[in-house]
């Protein structure tokens, strides 16, 4: 990874989160505008939300990432992605009004989260559209939702557990000296197809969920990063990139890594996918 000061300010448009630390984990996120979007003057379609909260003495990290679809029929997906990450974080915060066990939380996430998130997202989208295009209020609700189409994924860190879920994207785990995908992509999807929040059937039934304990490192990344290292079935180059990021964090610390990552991700986009790239890094402090 290159130092941040080597970035080309004309090409590099990015956003970084604060660094969130608990007694056991640290977390931050970085988003860069895709090289293709820089060239054609379009906005970044990715969004993220990171926060840490305390529930009855327990430190919790909440992370959400979304990737707006971006094509013309999804011309409001930039906002759909922003609403998605805010809704995910809001829904998850509500689960910690009173602390529940990790297994209870996992069960609640799998059963209660999809309908609650979908309903909240739809309500916000419809309200936004009412103010944005009041002349088009007779459109069907599903057509309004489509304009805001976006993917979504999340991770909750509670004690030594990572609870995660996705409609699309990459949730990559490093544990026991091995990198692997937490949730495999659906074989029914072709090419760059993705499950979307804007379709009710997708939003309610197509989530993949998982839980893992004592992982050293976990990343959530939009598909712009994975596609920068080829679209074939061999993820070796992609995992090498995740490994490079992890080793850089271990060697230089979270702050330096966060500030240097935009340069690395910008190069990935420019030389690879051309797409927006967002990555959230969650590292166990016990792995130092």
Protein backbone atom coordinates (compact mmCIF):
# COMPACT_ATOMS: atom_id res chain seq x y z
CA UNK A 1 0.00 0.00 0.00
CA UNK A 2 1.19 3.50 -0.84
CA UNK A 3 1.28 6.45 1.51
CA UNK A 4 -1.64 8.85 1.20
CA UNK A 5 0.52 11.80 0.17
CA UNK A 6 1.29 10.09 -3.16
CA UNK A 7 -2.35 10.28 -4.27
CA UNK A 8 -3.35 12.29 -7.33
CA UNK A 9 -5.84 14.85 -5.95
CA UNK A 10 -7.59 15.14 -9.32
CA UNK A 11 -8.45 11.44 -9.42
CA UNK A 12 -8.79 10.67 -5.72
CA UNK A 13 -12.20 11.42 -4.20
CA UNK A 14 -12.75 9.57 -0.96
CA UNK A 15 -14.38 9.46 2.46
CA UNK A 16 -13.11 7.81 5.62
CA UNK A 17 -14.81 6.99 8.92
CA UNK A 18 -13.57 7.65 12.40
CA UNK A 19 -11.64 4.82 14.01
CA UNK A 20 -13.80 2.96 16.51
CA UNK A 21 -12.11 0.97 19.25
CA UNK A 22 -13.38 -1.30 21.97
CA UNK A 23 -11.40 -3.35 24.45
CA UNK A 24 -11.31 -6.22 21.94
CA UNK A 25 -11.67 -4.79 18.41
CA UNK A 26 -11.00 -1.82 16.17
CA UNK A 27 -12.92 -0.74 13.08
CA UNK A 28 -12.84 1.83 10.29
CA UNK A 29 -14.19 2.27 6.77
CA UNK A 30 -12.89 3.86 3.56
CA UNK A 31 -14.82 4.74 0.40
CA UNK A 32 -13.37 5.91 -2.93
CA UNK A 33 -15.21 7.16 -5.98
CA UNK A 34 -14.70 4.82 -8.91
CA UNK A 35 -12.38 5.86 -11.70
CA UNK A 36 -15.16 5.48 -14.28
CA UNK A 37 -17.42 7.75 -12.23
CA UNK A 38 -14.64 10.32 -11.89
CA UNK A 39 -14.21 10.40 -15.67
CA UNK A 40 -17.91 10.75 -16.49
CA UNK A 41 -18.70 13.10 -13.61
CA UNK A 42 -21.23 10.85 -11.88
CA UNK A 43 -21.55 10.54 -8.12
CA UNK A 44 -20.29 7.69 -5.95
CA UNK A 45 -23.03 5.12 -5.35
CA UNK A 46 -21.50 3.44 -2.28
CA UNK A 47 -22.31 4.25 1.35
CA UNK A 48 -21.20 3.08 4.78
CA UNK A 49 -22.10 3.56 8.42
CA UNK A 50 -19.83 2.64 11.34
CA UNK A 51 -20.45 3.18 15.02
CA UNK A 52 -19.76 1.78 18.45
CA UNK A 53 -22.27 1.71 21.28
CA UNK A 54 -22.37 0.46 24.83
CA UNK A 55 -25.23 -1.75 25.99
CA UNK A 56 -25.31 -2.52 29.69
CA UNK A 57 -21.54 -2.46 29.90
CA UNK A 58 -20.99 -4.38 26.64
CA UNK A 59 -19.13 -2.63 23.80
CA UNK A 60 -20.78 -3.22 20.43
CA UNK A 61 -19.51 -2.35 16.93
CA UNK A 62 -22.11 -1.88 14.19
CA UNK A 63 -21.08 -1.68 10.54
CA UNK A 64 -23.26 -1.37 7.43
CA UNK A 65 -22.22 -1.05 3.77
CA UNK A 66 -24.35 -0.53 0.65
CA UNK A 67 -23.66 -0.35 -3.08
CA UNK A 68 -26.19 1.53 -5.19
CA UNK A 69 -26.87 -0.04 -8.60
CA UNK A 70 -26.03 3.17 -10.44
CA UNK A 71 -27.51 2.62 -13.93
CA UNK A 72 -30.10 5.01 -15.30
CA UNK A 73 -33.17 3.10 -14.16
CA UNK A 74 -31.71 3.24 -10.63
CA UNK A 75 -30.88 6.93 -10.90
CA UNK A 76 -31.57 7.58 -7.20
CA UNK A 77 -29.54 4.62 -5.93
CA UNK A 78 -26.93 6.95 -4.42
CA UNK A 79 -29.61 7.97 -1.94
CA UNK A 80 -30.99 4.45 -1.63
CA UNK A 81 -27.56 3.28 -0.46
CA UNK A 82 -27.29 6.08 2.09
CA UNK A 83 -30.74 5.31 3.44
CA UNK A 84 -29.90 1.60 3.59
CA UNK A 85 -26.84 1.98 5.82
CA UNK A 86 -28.61 4.44 8.10
CA UNK A 87 -31.62 2.10 8.39
CA UNK A 88 -29.46 -0.94 9.14
CA UNK A 89 -27.58 0.86 11.92
CA UNK A 90 -30.82 2.24 13.35
CA UNK A 91 -32.52 -1.16 13.40
CA UNK A 92 -29.53 -2.83 15.04
CA UNK A 93 -29.22 -0.13 17.69
CA UNK A 94 -32.81 -0.82 18.70
CA UNK A 95 -31.89 -4.43 19.51
CA UNK A 96 -29.53 -3.28 22.24
CA UNK A 97 -31.99 -1.29 24.33
CA UNK A 98 -31.53 -4.23 26.65
CA UNK A 99 -28.59 -6.56 26.21
CA UNK A 100 -29.42 -10.07 25.04
CA UNK A 101 -27.16 -13.06 24.59
CA UNK A 102 -25.21 -13.57 21.38
CA UNK A 103 -27.29 -16.57 20.32
CA UNK A 104 -30.53 -14.71 21.03
CA UNK A 105 -29.25 -11.75 19.04
CA UNK A 106 -28.35 -13.97 16.09
CA UNK A 107 -31.84 -15.47 16.07
CA UNK A 108 -33.45 -12.02 16.24
CA UNK A 109 -31.27 -10.75 13.38
CA UNK A 110 -32.20 -13.67 11.11
CA UNK A 111 -35.94 -13.44 11.76
CA UNK A 112 -36.77 -9.84 12.70
CA UNK A 113 -34.21 -7.82 10.78
CA UNK A 114 -35.21 -8.38 7.11
CA UNK A 115 -38.85 -7.22 7.40
CA UNK A 116 -38.04 -4.43 9.84
CA UNK A 117 -35.21 -3.10 7.69
CA UNK A 118 -37.23 -3.35 4.47
CA UNK A 119 -40.23 -1.55 5.93
CA UNK A 120 -38.07 1.24 7.37
CA UNK A 121 -36.12 1.67 4.13
CA UNK A 122 -39.30 1.81 2.02
CA UNK A 123 -40.85 4.44 4.27
CA UNK A 124 -37.77 6.67 4.04
CA UNK A 125 -37.49 6.19 0.28
CA UNK A 126 -41.14 7.07 -0.30
CA UNK A 127 -40.88 10.17 1.85
CA UNK A 128 -37.72 11.26 0.03
CA UNK A 129 -39.35 10.70 -3.38
CA UNK A 130 -42.43 12.67 -2.33
CA UNK A 131 -40.24 15.69 -1.67
CA UNK A 132 -37.90 15.11 -4.61
CA UNK A 133 -40.45 14.47 -7.39
CA UNK A 134 -43.91 15.55 -6.16
CA UNK A 135 -45.22 15.56 -9.74
CA UNK A 136 -44.79 11.76 -9.95
CA UNK A 137 -46.67 10.66 -6.86
CA UNK A 138 -49.03 8.38 -8.79
CA UNK A 139 -46.28 5.88 -9.57
CA UNK A 140 -46.55 2.42 -8.07
CA UNK A 141 -44.55 1.90 -4.90
CA UNK A 142 -42.36 -0.84 -6.38
CA UNK A 143 -41.41 1.47 -9.28
CA UNK A 144 -40.41 4.18 -6.81
CA UNK A 145 -38.34 1.70 -4.81
CA UNK A 146 -36.56 0.51 -7.96
CA UNK A 147 -35.14 3.98 -8.61
CA UNK A 148 -33.33 3.75 -5.24
CA UNK A 149 -32.04 0.20 -5.80
CA UNK A 150 -29.06 -0.86 -3.74
CA UNK A 151 -27.34 -3.87 -2.22
CA UNK A 152 -26.64 -4.15 1.50
CA UNK A 153 -24.47 -5.97 4.05
CA UNK A 154 -23.61 -5.61 7.73
CA UNK A 155 -21.61 -6.91 10.65
CA UNK A 156 -22.18 -6.72 14.41
CA UNK A 157 -19.25 -7.34 16.75
CA UNK A 158 -20.33 -8.43 20.22
CA UNK A 159 -17.67 -9.73 22.62
CA UNK A 160 -15.78 -12.33 20.55
CA UNK A 161 -18.59 -12.90 18.03
CA UNK A 162 -19.08 -11.50 14.52
CA UNK A 163 -22.72 -11.62 13.34
CA UNK A 164 -23.04 -10.72 9.67
CA UNK A 165 -25.38 -10.75 6.71
CA UNK A 166 -25.55 -9.69 3.10
CA UNK A 167 -27.65 -9.39 -0.01
CA UNK A 168 -24.53 -8.79 -2.07
CA UNK A 169 -20.87 -7.87 -1.67
CA UNK A 170 -17.92 -9.59 -0.04
CA UNK A 171 -17.60 -10.41 3.65
CA UNK A 172 -14.13 -11.86 4.00
CA UNK A 173 -12.81 -13.54 7.13
CA UNK A 174 -9.26 -14.20 8.28
CA UNK A 175 -9.03 -16.90 10.93
CA UNK A 176 -6.56 -19.69 11.65
CA UNK A 177 -4.17 -18.31 9.00
CA UNK A 178 -6.81 -18.66 6.25
CA UNK A 179 -8.85 -16.18 4.21
CA UNK A 180 -12.30 -17.18 3.01
CA UNK A 181 -15.71 -15.80 2.11
CA UNK A 182 -18.20 -15.91 4.96
CA UNK A 183 -21.24 -16.32 2.71
CA UNK A 184 -20.98 -17.77 -0.79
CA UNK A 185 -22.69 -15.96 -3.66
CA UNK A 186 -25.86 -17.49 -5.04
CA UNK A 187 -25.16 -19.64 -8.10
CA UNK A 188 -28.46 -18.43 -9.58
CA UNK A 189 -27.00 -14.96 -10.08
CA UNK A 190 -25.26 -14.36 -13.40
CA UNK A 191 -22.32 -12.01 -13.95
CA UNK A 192 -22.78 -8.74 -12.10
CA UNK A 193 -26.37 -9.48 -11.05
CA UNK A 194 -27.13 -8.82 -7.40
CA UNK A 195 -30.00 -9.14 -4.98
CA UNK A 196 -31.49 -5.73 -4.28
CA UNK A 197 -33.17 -4.05 -1.34
CA UNK A 198 -35.72 -2.55 -3.74
CA UNK A 199 -37.40 -5.90 -4.54
CA UNK A 200 -39.55 -7.14 -1.68
CA UNK A 201 -38.84 -10.81 -2.36
CA UNK A 202 -35.08 -10.12 -2.33
CA UNK A 203 -35.22 -7.95 0.77
CA UNK A 204 -37.24 -10.47 2.78
CA UNK A 205 -35.93 -13.84 1.54
CA UNK A 206 -32.50 -13.52 -0.06
CA UNK A 207 -30.38 -12.46 2.89
CA UNK A 208 -27.50 -14.73 3.85
CA UNK A 209 -26.51 -14.73 7.52
CA UNK A 210 -23.62 -16.08 9.51
CA UNK A 211 -21.82 -16.00 12.84
CA UNK A 212 -18.21 -16.69 13.69
CA UNK A 213 -16.17 -16.46 16.87
CA UNK A 214 -12.59 -15.34 17.47
CA UNK A 215 -11.77 -14.18 13.94
CA UNK A 216 -8.57 -12.15 13.56
CA UNK A 217 -9.87 -9.89 10.79
CA UNK A 218 -13.09 -9.33 8.86
CA UNK A 219 -13.75 -7.03 5.92
CA UNK A 220 -16.92 -5.91 4.20
CA UNK A 221 -16.19 -4.70 0.67
CA UNK A 222 -18.34 -3.71 -2.28
CA UNK A 223 -17.82 -5.70 -5.46
CA UNK A 224 -15.71 -2.97 -7.05
CA UNK A 225 -12.75 -4.30 -5.06
CA UNK A 226 -13.30 -7.98 -5.85
CA UNK A 227 -13.77 -7.25 -9.56
CA UNK A 228 -10.52 -5.29 -9.67
CA UNK A 229 -8.74 -8.62 -9.27
CA UNK A 230 -10.60 -10.53 -11.96
CA UNK A 231 -14.07 -12.00 -12.23
CA UNK A 232 -13.11 -15.66 -12.37
CA UNK A 233 -13.73 -18.16 -9.59
CA UNK A 234 -10.18 -18.00 -8.19
CA UNK A 235 -10.10 -15.41 -5.37
CA UNK A 236 -6.36 -15.71 -4.73
CA UNK A 237 -5.45 -12.20 -5.93
CA UNK A 238 -8.37 -10.70 -4.01
CA UNK A 239 -7.34 -12.49 -0.81
CA UNK A 240 -3.76 -11.32 -1.37
CA UNK A 241 -5.07 -7.74 -1.39
CA UNK A 242 -7.04 -8.29 1.83
CA UNK A 243 -3.93 -9.86 3.37
CA UNK A 244 -1.85 -6.85 2.36
CA UNK A 245 -4.35 -4.53 4.04
CA UNK A 246 -4.40 -6.62 7.21
CA UNK A 247 -0.60 -6.78 7.43
CA UNK A 248 -0.38 -3.03 6.85
CA UNK A 249 -2.78 -2.37 9.72
CA UNK A 250 -0.80 -4.68 12.01
CA UNK A 251 2.47 -2.97 11.10
CA UNK A 252 1.47 0.71 10.91
CA UNK A 253 -1.72 0.96 12.98
CA UNK A 254 -5.32 1.79 12.14
CA UNK A 255 -4.86 5.53 11.61
CA UNK A 256 -2.01 5.26 9.11
CA UNK A 257 -3.74 2.39 7.30
CA UNK A 258 -7.02 4.27 7.03
CA UNK A 259 -5.29 7.37 5.65
CA UNK A 260 -3.25 5.33 3.14
CA UNK A 261 -6.04 3.04 1.92
CA UNK A 262 -7.68 5.59 -0.44
CA UNK A 263 -4.56 5.62 -2.59
CA UNK A 264 -4.49 1.83 -2.78
CA UNK A 265 -8.23 1.54 -3.52
CA UNK A 266 -8.08 4.30 -6.11
CA UNK A 267 -5.34 2.41 -7.92
CA UNK A 268 -7.45 -0.77 -7.75
CA UNK A 269 -10.37 1.03 -9.35
CA UNK A 270 -8.27 2.78 -11.99
CA UNK A 271 -6.36 -0.34 -13.05
CA UNK A 272 -9.21 -2.79 -12.45
CA UNK A 273 -12.98 -2.47 -12.20
CA UNK A 274 -13.39 1.29 -12.58
CA UNK A 275 -16.17 1.01 -9.98
CA UNK A 276 -16.64 2.69 -6.62
CA UNK A 277 -14.95 0.78 -3.81
CA UNK A 278 -15.82 0.69 -0.13
CA UNK A 279 -14.13 -1.44 2.48
CA UNK A 280 -14.73 -1.71 6.19
CA UNK A 281 -12.00 -3.35 8.26
CA UNK A 282 -12.68 -4.94 11.64
CA UNK A 283 -9.60 -6.23 13.46
CA UNK A 284 -9.28 -8.17 16.68
CA UNK A 285 -6.89 -6.48 19.11
CA UNK A 286 -5.80 -9.89 20.38
CA UNK A 287 -4.26 -10.62 16.96
CA UNK A 288 -1.53 -8.02 17.40
